[in-house]
Amino acid sequence: MELTINIEYDQVLKLARQLPYKYKKKLTQEIEKDLKAESEENTDGSTKYQSGSEDLNELQQFLLQGPLMSDEQFDSFKKLRKDFNRWLEK
């Protein structure tokens, strides 16, 4: 038999705060162990936040994997923008 319960983060946090000290300590150790294992498993190139605990959302992944301008392309872009702005001022 399997039971699935959807609990919001705030509810989990509230429940954890109600635990006695020794269980809070044990929970903290278990979570730290899980985080360490996840950070060691993260060798597949997927990106994590600096805290290592949350995956980047889809938009952040898209932006990080997008194309980059070279320095020459950026200089060309700045020149074109400057020329375009001069043309608009006429």
PDB file of N, CA and C in Angstrom:
ATOM      1  N   MET A   1       0.842  -1.164   0.000  1.00  0.00           N
ATOM      2  CA  MET A   1       0.000   0.000   0.000  1.00  0.00           C
ATOM      3  C   MET A   1       0.892   1.233   0.000  1.00  0.00           C
ATOM      4  N   GLU A   2       0.488   2.242  -0.778  1.00  0.00           N
ATOM      5  CA  GLU A   2       1.262   3.470  -0.863  1.00  0.00           C
ATOM      6  C   GLU A   2       0.333   4.651  -0.644  1.00  0.00           C
ATOM      7  N   LEU A   3       0.789   5.603   0.126  1.00  0.00           N
ATOM      8  CA  LEU A   3       0.012   6.792   0.407  1.00  0.00           C
ATOM      9  C   LEU A   3       0.844   8.006   0.027  1.00  0.00           C
ATOM     10  N   THR A   4       0.289   8.864  -0.807  1.00  0.00           N
ATOM     11  CA  THR A   4       0.981  10.076  -1.220  1.00  0.00           C
ATOM     12  C   THR A   4       0.239  11.269  -0.648  1.00  0.00           C
ATOM     13  N   ILE A   5       0.996  12.164  -0.022  1.00  0.00           N
ATOM     14  CA  ILE A   5       0.412  13.360   0.574  1.00  0.00           C
ATOM     15  C   ILE A   5       1.121  14.569  -0.011  1.00  0.00           C
ATOM     16  N   ASN A   6       0.357  15.527  -0.477  1.00  0.00           N
ATOM     17  CA  ASN A   6       0.927  16.774  -0.982  1.00  0.00           C
ATOM     18  C   ASN A   6       0.935  17.794   0.151  1.00  0.00           C
ATOM     19  N   ILE A   7       2.133  18.134   0.605  1.00  0.00           N
ATOM     20  CA  ILE A   7       2.291  19.093   1.700  1.00  0.00           C
ATOM     21  C   ILE A   7       3.155  20.233   1.201  1.00  0.00           C
ATOM     22  N   GLU A   8       2.729  21.438   1.453  1.00  0.00           N
ATOM     23  CA  GLU A   8       3.484  22.617   1.067  1.00  0.00           C
ATOM     24  C   GLU A   8       4.751  22.737   1.925  1.00  0.00           C
ATOM     25  N   TYR A   9       5.742  23.423   1.382  1.00  0.00           N
ATOM     26  CA  TYR A   9       7.010  23.616   2.075  1.00  0.00           C
ATOM     27  C   TYR A   9       6.798  24.246   3.454  1.00  0.00           C
ATOM     28  N   ASP A  10       5.950  25.273   3.517  1.00  0.00           N
ATOM     29  CA  ASP A  10       5.707  25.955   4.793  1.00  0.00           C
ATOM     30  C   ASP A  10       5.151  24.997   5.849  1.00  0.00           C
ATOM     31  N   GLN A  11       4.311  24.082   5.406  1.00  0.00           N
ATOM     32  CA  GLN A  11       3.730  23.112   6.342  1.00  0.00           C
ATOM     33  C   GLN A  11       4.796  22.153   6.857  1.00  0.00           C
ATOM     34  N   VAL A  12       5.674  21.717   5.956  1.00  0.00           N
ATOM     35  CA  VAL A  12       6.761  20.826   6.366  1.00  0.00           C
ATOM     36  C   VAL A  12       7.668  21.537   7.357  1.00  0.00           C
ATOM     37  N   LEU A  13       7.997  22.793   7.067  1.00  0.00           N
ATOM     38  CA  LEU A  13       8.848  23.579   7.955  1.00  0.00           C
ATOM     39  C   LEU A  13       8.195  23.757   9.326  1.00  0.00           C
ATOM     40  N   LYS A  14       6.916  24.039   9.328  1.00  0.00           N
ATOM     41  CA  LYS A  14       6.186  24.202  10.591  1.00  0.00           C
ATOM     42  C   LYS A  14       6.219  22.906  11.408  1.00  0.00           C
ATOM     43  N   LEU A  15       6.016  21.772  10.730  1.00  0.00           N
ATOM     44  CA  LEU A  15       6.067  20.486  11.424  1.00  0.00           C
ATOM     45  C   LEU A  15       7.466  20.195  11.966  1.00  0.00           C
ATOM     46  N   ALA A  16       8.486  20.498  11.164  1.00  0.00           N
ATOM     47  CA  ALA A  16       9.870  20.259  11.597  1.00  0.00           C
ATOM     48  C   ALA A  16      10.214  21.095  12.815  1.00  0.00           C
ATOM     49  N   ARG A  17       9.707  22.300  12.870  1.00  0.00           N
ATOM     50  CA  ARG A  17       9.992  23.180  14.016  1.00  0.00           C
ATOM     51  C   ARG A  17       9.329  22.692  15.297  1.00  0.00           C
ATOM     52  N   GLN A  18       8.313  21.855  15.181  1.00  0.00           N
ATOM     53  CA  GLN A  18       7.630  21.332  16.359  1.00  0.00           C
ATOM     54  C   GLN A  18       8.329  20.107  16.938  1.00  0.00           C
ATOM     55  N   LEU A  19       9.315  19.583  16.213  1.00  0.00           N
ATOM     56  CA  LEU A  19      10.019  18.393  16.693  1.00  0.00           C
ATOM     57  C   LEU A  19      10.864  18.699  17.923  1.00  0.00           C
ATOM     58  N   PRO A  20      11.056  17.709  18.793  1.00  0.00           N
ATOM     59  CA  PRO A  20      11.989  17.876  19.911  1.00  0.00           C
ATOM     60  C   PRO A  20      13.416  18.034  19.366  1.00  0.00           C
ATOM     61  N   TYR A  21      14.285  18.601  20.165  1.00  0.00           N
ATOM     62  CA  TYR A  21      15.646  18.922  19.758  1.00  0.00           C
ATOM     63  C   TYR A  21      16.367  17.725  19.143  1.00  0.00           C
ATOM     64  N   LYS A  22      16.313  16.559  19.769  1.00  0.00           N
ATOM     65  CA  LYS A  22      17.083  15.413  19.281  1.00  0.00           C
ATOM     66  C   LYS A  22      16.613  14.983  17.895  1.00  0.00           C
ATOM     67  N   TYR A  23      15.313  15.133  17.605  1.00  0.00           N
ATOM     68  CA  TYR A  23      14.810  14.780  16.285  1.00  0.00           C
ATOM     69  C   TYR A  23      15.156  15.855  15.256  1.00  0.00           C
ATOM     70  N   LYS A  24      15.180  17.109  15.697  1.00  0.00           N
ATOM     71  CA  LYS A  24      15.625  18.181  14.791  1.00  0.00           C
ATOM     72  C   LYS A  24      17.076  17.944  14.379  1.00  0.00           C
ATOM     73  N   LYS A  25      17.889  17.575  15.342  1.00  0.00           N
ATOM     74  CA  LYS A  25      19.304  17.306  15.081  1.00  0.00           C
ATOM     75  C   LYS A  25      19.448  16.141  14.101  1.00  0.00           C
ATOM     76  N   LYS A  26      18.691  15.086  14.318  1.00  0.00           N
ATOM     77  CA  LYS A  26      18.735  13.910  13.443  1.00  0.00           C
ATOM     78  C   LYS A  26      18.251  14.271  12.036  1.00  0.00           C
ATOM     79  N   LEU A  27      17.173  15.040  11.941  1.00  0.00           N
ATOM     80  CA  LEU A  27      16.646  15.482  10.652  1.00  0.00           C
ATOM     81  C   LEU A  27      17.682  16.336   9.918  1.00  0.00           C
ATOM     82  N   THR A  28      18.325  17.232  10.629  1.00  0.00           N
ATOM     83  CA  THR A  28      19.364  18.075  10.038  1.00  0.00           C
ATOM     84  C   THR A  28      20.500  17.229   9.479  1.00  0.00           C
ATOM     85  N   GLN A  29      20.929  16.232  10.226  1.00  0.00           N
ATOM     86  CA  GLN A  29      22.008  15.360   9.769  1.00  0.00           C
ATOM     87  C   GLN A  29      21.600  14.592   8.517  1.00  0.00           C
ATOM     88  N   GLU A  30      20.374  14.103   8.487  1.00  0.00           N
ATOM     89  CA  GLU A  30      19.886  13.362   7.323  1.00  0.00           C
ATOM     90  C   GLU A  30      19.815  14.262   6.094  1.00  0.00           C
ATOM     91  N   ILE A  31      19.330  15.474   6.272  1.00  0.00           N
ATOM     92  CA  ILE A  31      19.228  16.411   5.153  1.00  0.00           C
ATOM     93  C   ILE A  31      20.618  16.781   4.638  1.00  0.00           C
ATOM     94  N   GLU A  32      21.553  17.035   5.551  1.00  0.00           N
ATOM     95  CA  GLU A  32      22.922  17.357   5.141  1.00  0.00           C
ATOM     96  C   GLU A  32      23.554  16.190   4.382  1.00  0.00           C
ATOM     97  N   LYS A  33      23.273  14.977   4.825  1.00  0.00           N
ATOM     98  CA  LYS A  33      23.792  13.795   4.144  1.00  0.00           C
ATOM     99  C   LYS A  33      23.212  13.706   2.724  1.00  0.00           C
ATOM    100  N   ASP A  34      21.906  13.955   2.596  1.00  0.00           N
ATOM    101  CA  ASP A  34      21.258  13.933   1.285  1.00  0.00           C
ATOM    102  C   ASP A  34      21.826  15.009   0.362  1.00  0.00           C
ATOM    103  N   LEU A  35      22.029  16.210   0.899  1.00  0.00           N
ATOM    104  CA  LEU A  35      22.573  17.298   0.097  1.00  0.00           C
ATOM    105  C   LEU A  35      23.984  16.983  -0.385  1.00  0.00           C
ATOM    106  N   LYS A  36      24.773  16.393   0.493  1.00  0.00           N
ATOM    107  CA  LYS A  36      26.139  16.030   0.121  1.00  0.00           C
ATOM    108  C   LYS A  36      26.109  14.972  -0.985  1.00  0.00           C
ATOM    109  N   ALA A  37      25.238  13.986  -0.860  1.00  0.00           N
ATOM    110  CA  ALA A  37      25.123  12.940  -1.877  1.00  0.00           C
ATOM    111  C   ALA A  37      24.662  13.527  -3.209  1.00  0.00           C
ATOM    112  N   GLU A  38      23.717  14.448  -3.165  1.00  0.00           N
ATOM    113  CA  GLU A  38      23.232  15.075  -4.393  1.00  0.00           C
ATOM    114  C   GLU A  38      24.317  15.898  -5.057  1.00  0.00           C
ATOM    115  N   SER A  39      25.105  16.632  -4.262  1.00  0.00           N
ATOM    116  CA  SER A  39      26.160  17.446  -4.865  1.00  0.00           C
ATOM    117  C   SER A  39      27.249  16.572  -5.471  1.00  0.00           C
ATOM    118  N   GLU A  40      27.502  15.412  -4.896  1.00  0.00           N
ATOM    119  CA  GLU A  40      28.486  14.492  -5.462  1.00  0.00           C
ATOM    120  C   GLU A  40      27.956  13.835  -6.727  1.00  0.00           C
ATOM    121  N   GLU A  41      26.641  13.596  -6.791  1.00  0.00           N
ATOM    122  CA  GLU A  41      26.029  12.992  -7.969  1.00  0.00           C
ATOM    123  C   GLU A  41      25.917  13.983  -9.113  1.00  0.00           C
ATOM    124  N   ASN A  42      26.048  15.257  -8.824  1.00  0.00           N
ATOM    125  CA  ASN A  42      25.844  16.298  -9.824  1.00  0.00           C
ATOM    126  C   ASN A  42      27.076  16.467 -10.712  1.00  0.00           C
ATOM    127  N   THR A  43      27.555  15.382 -11.267  1.00  0.00           N
ATOM    128  CA  THR A  43      28.702  15.440 -12.159  1.00  0.00           C
ATOM    129  C   THR A  43      28.285  15.331 -13.611  1.00  0.00           C
ATOM    130  N   ASP A  44      26.981  15.345 -13.873  1.00  0.00           N
ATOM    131  CA  ASP A  44      26.476  15.220 -15.241  1.00  0.00           C
ATOM    132  C   ASP A  44      26.400  16.553 -15.965  1.00  0.00           C
ATOM    133  N   GLY A  45      26.881  17.625 -15.332  1.00  0.00           N
ATOM    134  CA  GLY A  45      26.884  18.925 -15.979  1.00  0.00           C
ATOM    135  C   GLY A  45      25.649  19.750 -15.725  1.00  0.00           C
ATOM    136  N   SER A  46      24.658  19.214 -15.018  1.00  0.00           N
ATOM    137  CA  SER A  46      23.489  20.021 -14.731  1.00  0.00           C
ATOM    138  C   SER A  46      23.882  21.105 -13.731  1.00  0.00           C
ATOM    139  N   THR A  47      23.211  22.229 -13.823  1.00  0.00           N
ATOM    140  CA  THR A  47      23.583  23.389 -13.031  1.00  0.00           C
ATOM    141  C   THR A  47      22.751  23.462 -11.770  1.00  0.00           C
ATOM    142  N   LYS A  48      23.389  23.783 -10.676  1.00  0.00           N
ATOM    143  CA  LYS A  48      22.694  23.974  -9.401  1.00  0.00           C
ATOM    144  C   LYS A  48      22.978  25.381  -8.909  1.00  0.00           C
ATOM    145  N   TYR A  49      22.132  25.881  -8.022  1.00  0.00           N
ATOM    146  CA  TYR A  49      22.421  27.133  -7.353  1.00  0.00           C
ATOM    147  C   TYR A  49      23.658  26.947  -6.496  1.00  0.00           C
ATOM    148  N   GLN A  50      24.236  28.060  -6.054  1.00  0.00           N
ATOM    149  CA  GLN A  50      25.434  27.962  -5.233  1.00  0.00           C
ATOM    150  C   GLN A  50      25.179  27.167  -3.965  1.00  0.00           C
ATOM    151  N   SER A  51      23.972  27.243  -3.449  1.00  0.00           N
ATOM    152  CA  SER A  51      23.664  26.477  -2.247  1.00  0.00           C
ATOM    153  C   SER A  51      23.643  24.988  -2.539  1.00  0.00           C
ATOM    154  N   GLY A  52      23.468  24.628  -3.818  1.00  0.00           N
ATOM    155  CA  GLY A  52      23.453  23.235  -4.219  1.00  0.00           C
ATOM    156  C   GLY A  52      22.160  22.519  -3.907  1.00  0.00           C
ATOM    157  N   SER A  53      21.154  23.239  -3.476  1.00  0.00           N
ATOM    158  CA  SER A  53      19.949  22.548  -3.038  1.00  0.00           C
ATOM    159  C   SER A  53      18.779  22.649  -4.002  1.00  0.00           C
ATOM    160  N   GLU A  54      18.828  23.582  -4.945  1.00  0.00           N
ATOM    161  CA  GLU A  54      17.683  23.760  -5.830  1.00  0.00           C
ATOM    162  C   GLU A  54      18.127  23.741  -7.284  1.00  0.00           C
ATOM    163  N   ASP A  55      17.356  23.058  -8.130  1.00  0.00           N
ATOM    164  CA  ASP A  55      17.637  23.074  -9.553  1.00  0.00           C
ATOM    165  C   ASP A  55      17.249  24.427 -10.122  1.00  0.00           C
ATOM    166  N   LEU A  56      17.947  24.826 -11.182  1.00  0.00           N
ATOM    167  CA  LEU A  56      17.575  26.048 -11.874  1.00  0.00           C
ATOM    168  C   LEU A  56      16.259  25.824 -12.591  1.00  0.00           C
ATOM    169  N   ASN A  57      15.460  26.872 -12.665  1.00  0.00           N
ATOM    170  CA  ASN A  57      14.198  26.715 -13.373  1.00  0.00           C
ATOM    171  C   ASN A  57      14.438  26.694 -14.877  1.00  0.00           C
ATOM    172  N   GLU A  58      13.408  26.401 -15.619  1.00  0.00           N
ATOM    173  CA  GLU A  58      13.519  26.203 -17.067  1.00  0.00           C
ATOM    174  C   GLU A  58      14.044  27.442 -17.783  1.00  0.00           C
ATOM    175  N   LEU A  59      13.584  28.632 -17.410  1.00  0.00           N
ATOM    176  CA  LEU A  59      14.047  29.864 -18.036  1.00  0.00           C
ATOM    177  C   LEU A  59      15.533  30.092 -17.769  1.00  0.00           C
ATOM    178  N   GLN A  60      15.965  29.863 -16.545  1.00  0.00           N
ATOM    179  CA  GLN A  60      17.375  30.043 -16.218  1.00  0.00           C
ATOM    180  C   GLN A  60      18.243  29.072 -17.008  1.00  0.00           C
ATOM    181  N   GLN A  61      17.804  27.824 -17.140  1.00  0.00           N
ATOM    182  CA  GLN A  61      18.544  26.843 -17.936  1.00  0.00           C
ATOM    183  C   GLN A  61      18.647  27.317 -19.386  1.00  0.00           C
ATOM    184  N   PHE A  62      17.529  27.788 -19.937  1.00  0.00           N
ATOM    185  CA  PHE A  62      17.501  28.255 -21.318  1.00  0.00           C
ATOM    186  C   PHE A  62      18.483  29.404 -21.521  1.00  0.00           C
ATOM    187  N   LEU A  63      18.464  30.375 -20.602  1.00  0.00           N
ATOM    188  CA  LEU A  63      19.342  31.533 -20.730  1.00  0.00           C
ATOM    189  C   LEU A  63      20.816  31.149 -20.597  1.00  0.00           C
ATOM    190  N   LEU A  64      21.118  30.239 -19.681  1.00  0.00           N
ATOM    191  CA  LEU A  64      22.509  29.831 -19.487  1.00  0.00           C
ATOM    192  C   LEU A  64      23.044  29.021 -20.654  1.00  0.00           C
ATOM    193  N   GLN A  65      22.174  28.338 -21.371  1.00  0.00           N
ATOM    194  CA  GLN A  65      22.616  27.509 -22.483  1.00  0.00           C
ATOM    195  C   GLN A  65      22.534  28.238 -23.824  1.00  0.00           C
ATOM    196  N   GLY A  66      22.114  29.510 -23.797  1.00  0.00           N
ATOM    197  CA  GLY A  66      21.961  30.270 -25.026  1.00  0.00           C
ATOM    198  C   GLY A  66      23.303  30.680 -25.618  1.00  0.00           C
ATOM    199  N   PRO A  67      23.261  31.217 -26.837  1.00  0.00           N
ATOM    200  CA  PRO A  67      24.498  31.633 -27.506  1.00  0.00           C
ATOM    201  C   PRO A  67      25.107  32.865 -26.822  1.00  0.00           C
ATOM    202  N   LEU A  68      26.402  32.991 -26.943  1.00  0.00           N
ATOM    203  CA  LEU A  68      27.131  34.120 -26.376  1.00  0.00           C
ATOM    204  C   LEU A  68      27.788  34.909 -27.496  1.00  0.00           C
ATOM    205  N   MET A  69      27.929  36.223 -27.299  1.00  0.00           N
ATOM    206  CA  MET A  69      28.631  37.064 -28.260  1.00  0.00           C
ATOM    207  C   MET A  69      30.121  37.024 -27.968  1.00  0.00           C
ATOM    208  N   SER A  70      30.891  37.030 -29.037  1.00  0.00           N
ATOM    209  CA  SER A  70      32.331  37.207 -28.849  1.00  0.00           C
ATOM    210  C   SER A  70      32.578  38.689 -28.607  1.00  0.00           C
ATOM    211  N   ASP A  71      33.782  39.054 -28.216  1.00  0.00           N
ATOM    212  CA  ASP A  71      34.109  40.468 -28.003  1.00  0.00           C
ATOM    213  C   ASP A  71      33.970  41.254 -29.297  1.00  0.00           C
ATOM    214  N   GLU A  72      34.368  40.658 -30.413  1.00  0.00           N
ATOM    215  CA  GLU A  72      34.254  41.334 -31.708  1.00  0.00           C
ATOM    216  C   GLU A  72      32.792  41.571 -32.067  1.00  0.00           C
ATOM    217  N   GLN A  73      31.949  40.577 -31.830  1.00  0.00           N
ATOM    218  CA  GLN A  73      30.528  40.729 -32.120  1.00  0.00           C
ATOM    219  C   GLN A  73      29.904  41.803 -31.243  1.00  0.00           C
ATOM    220  N   PHE A  74      30.315  41.865 -29.990  1.00  0.00           N
ATOM    221  CA  PHE A  74      29.768  42.865 -29.086  1.00  0.00           C
ATOM    222  C   PHE A  74      30.199  44.265 -29.506  1.00  0.00           C
ATOM    223  N   ASP A  75      31.470  44.427 -29.910  1.00  0.00           N
ATOM    224  CA  ASP A  75      31.947  45.730 -30.391  1.00  0.00           C
ATOM    225  C   ASP A  75      31.172  46.154 -31.636  1.00  0.00           C
ATOM    226  N   SER A  76      30.925  45.202 -32.534  1.00  0.00           N
ATOM    227  CA  SER A  76      30.147  45.484 -33.737  1.00  0.00           C
ATOM    228  C   SER A  76      28.724  45.894 -33.366  1.00  0.00           C
ATOM    229  N   PHE A  77      28.137  45.197 -32.407  1.00  0.00           N
ATOM    230  CA  PHE A  77      26.786  45.532 -31.944  1.00  0.00           C
ATOM    231  C   PHE A  77      26.742  46.949 -31.374  1.00  0.00           C
ATOM    232  N   LYS A  78      27.724  47.300 -30.558  1.00  0.00           N
ATOM    233  CA  LYS A  78      27.749  48.653 -29.983  1.00  0.00           C
ATOM    234  C   LYS A  78      27.863  49.711 -31.069  1.00  0.00           C
ATOM    235  N   LYS A  79      28.690  49.464 -32.087  1.00  0.00           N
ATOM    236  CA  LYS A  79      28.853  50.402 -33.191  1.00  0.00           C
ATOM    237  C   LYS A  79      27.539  50.551 -33.953  1.00  0.00           C
ATOM    238  N   LEU A  80      26.886  49.438 -34.263  1.00  0.00           N
ATOM    239  CA  LEU A  80      25.617  49.494 -34.972  1.00  0.00           C
ATOM    240  C   LEU A  80      24.549  50.235 -34.159  1.00  0.00           C
ATOM    241  N   ARG A  81      24.529  49.989 -32.864  1.00  0.00           N
ATOM    242  CA  ARG A  81      23.560  50.672 -31.995  1.00  0.00           C
ATOM    243  C   ARG A  81      23.814  52.181 -31.990  1.00  0.00           C
ATOM    244  N   LYS A  82      25.087  52.545 -31.924  1.00  0.00           N
ATOM    245  CA  LYS A  82      25.455  53.962 -31.932  1.00  0.00           C
ATOM    246  C   LYS A  82      25.040  54.602 -33.258  1.00  0.00           C
ATOM    247  N   ASP A  83      25.333  53.915 -34.393  1.00  0.00           N
ATOM    248  CA  ASP A  83      24.939  54.429 -35.709  1.00  0.00           C
ATOM    249  C   ASP A  83      23.428  54.536 -35.831  1.00  0.00           C
ATOM    250  N   PHE A  84      22.701  53.546 -35.329  1.00  0.00           N
ATOM    251  CA  PHE A  84      21.248  53.564 -35.391  1.00  0.00           C
ATOM    252  C   PHE A  84      20.688  54.728 -34.568  1.00  0.00           C
ATOM    253  N   ASN A  85      21.247  54.953 -33.395  1.00  0.00           N
ATOM    254  CA  ASN A  85      20.788  56.061 -32.560  1.00  0.00           C
ATOM    255  C   ASN A  85      21.034  57.408 -33.240  1.00  0.00           C
ATOM    256  N   ARG A  86      22.183  57.542 -33.911  1.00  0.00           N
ATOM    257  CA  ARG A  86      22.460  58.781 -34.652  1.00  0.00           C
ATOM    258  C   ARG A  86      21.434  58.960 -35.770  1.00  0.00           C
ATOM    259  N   TRP A  87      21.081  57.858 -36.445  1.00  0.00           N
ATOM    260  CA  TRP A  87      20.115  57.929 -37.530  1.00  0.00           C
ATOM    261  C   TRP A  87      18.747  58.344 -36.977  1.00  0.00           C
ATOM    262  N   LEU A  88      18.379  57.850 -35.812  1.00  0.00           N
ATOM    263  CA  LEU A  88      17.081  58.215 -35.212  1.00  0.00           C
ATOM    264  C   LEU A  88      17.029  59.685 -34.827  1.00  0.00           C
ATOM    265  N   GLU A  89      18.144  60.253 -34.465  1.00  0.00           N
ATOM    266  CA  GLU A  89      18.179  61.652 -34.017  1.00  0.00           C
ATOM    267  C   GLU A  89      18.044  62.629 -35.175  1.00  0.00           C
ATOM    268  N   LYS A  90      18.233  62.183 -36.413  1.00  0.00           N
ATOM    269  CA  LYS A  90      18.151  63.078 -37.573  1.00  0.00           C
ATOM    270  C   LYS A  90      16.745  63.527 -37.833  1.00  0.00           C
TER     271      LYS A  90
END
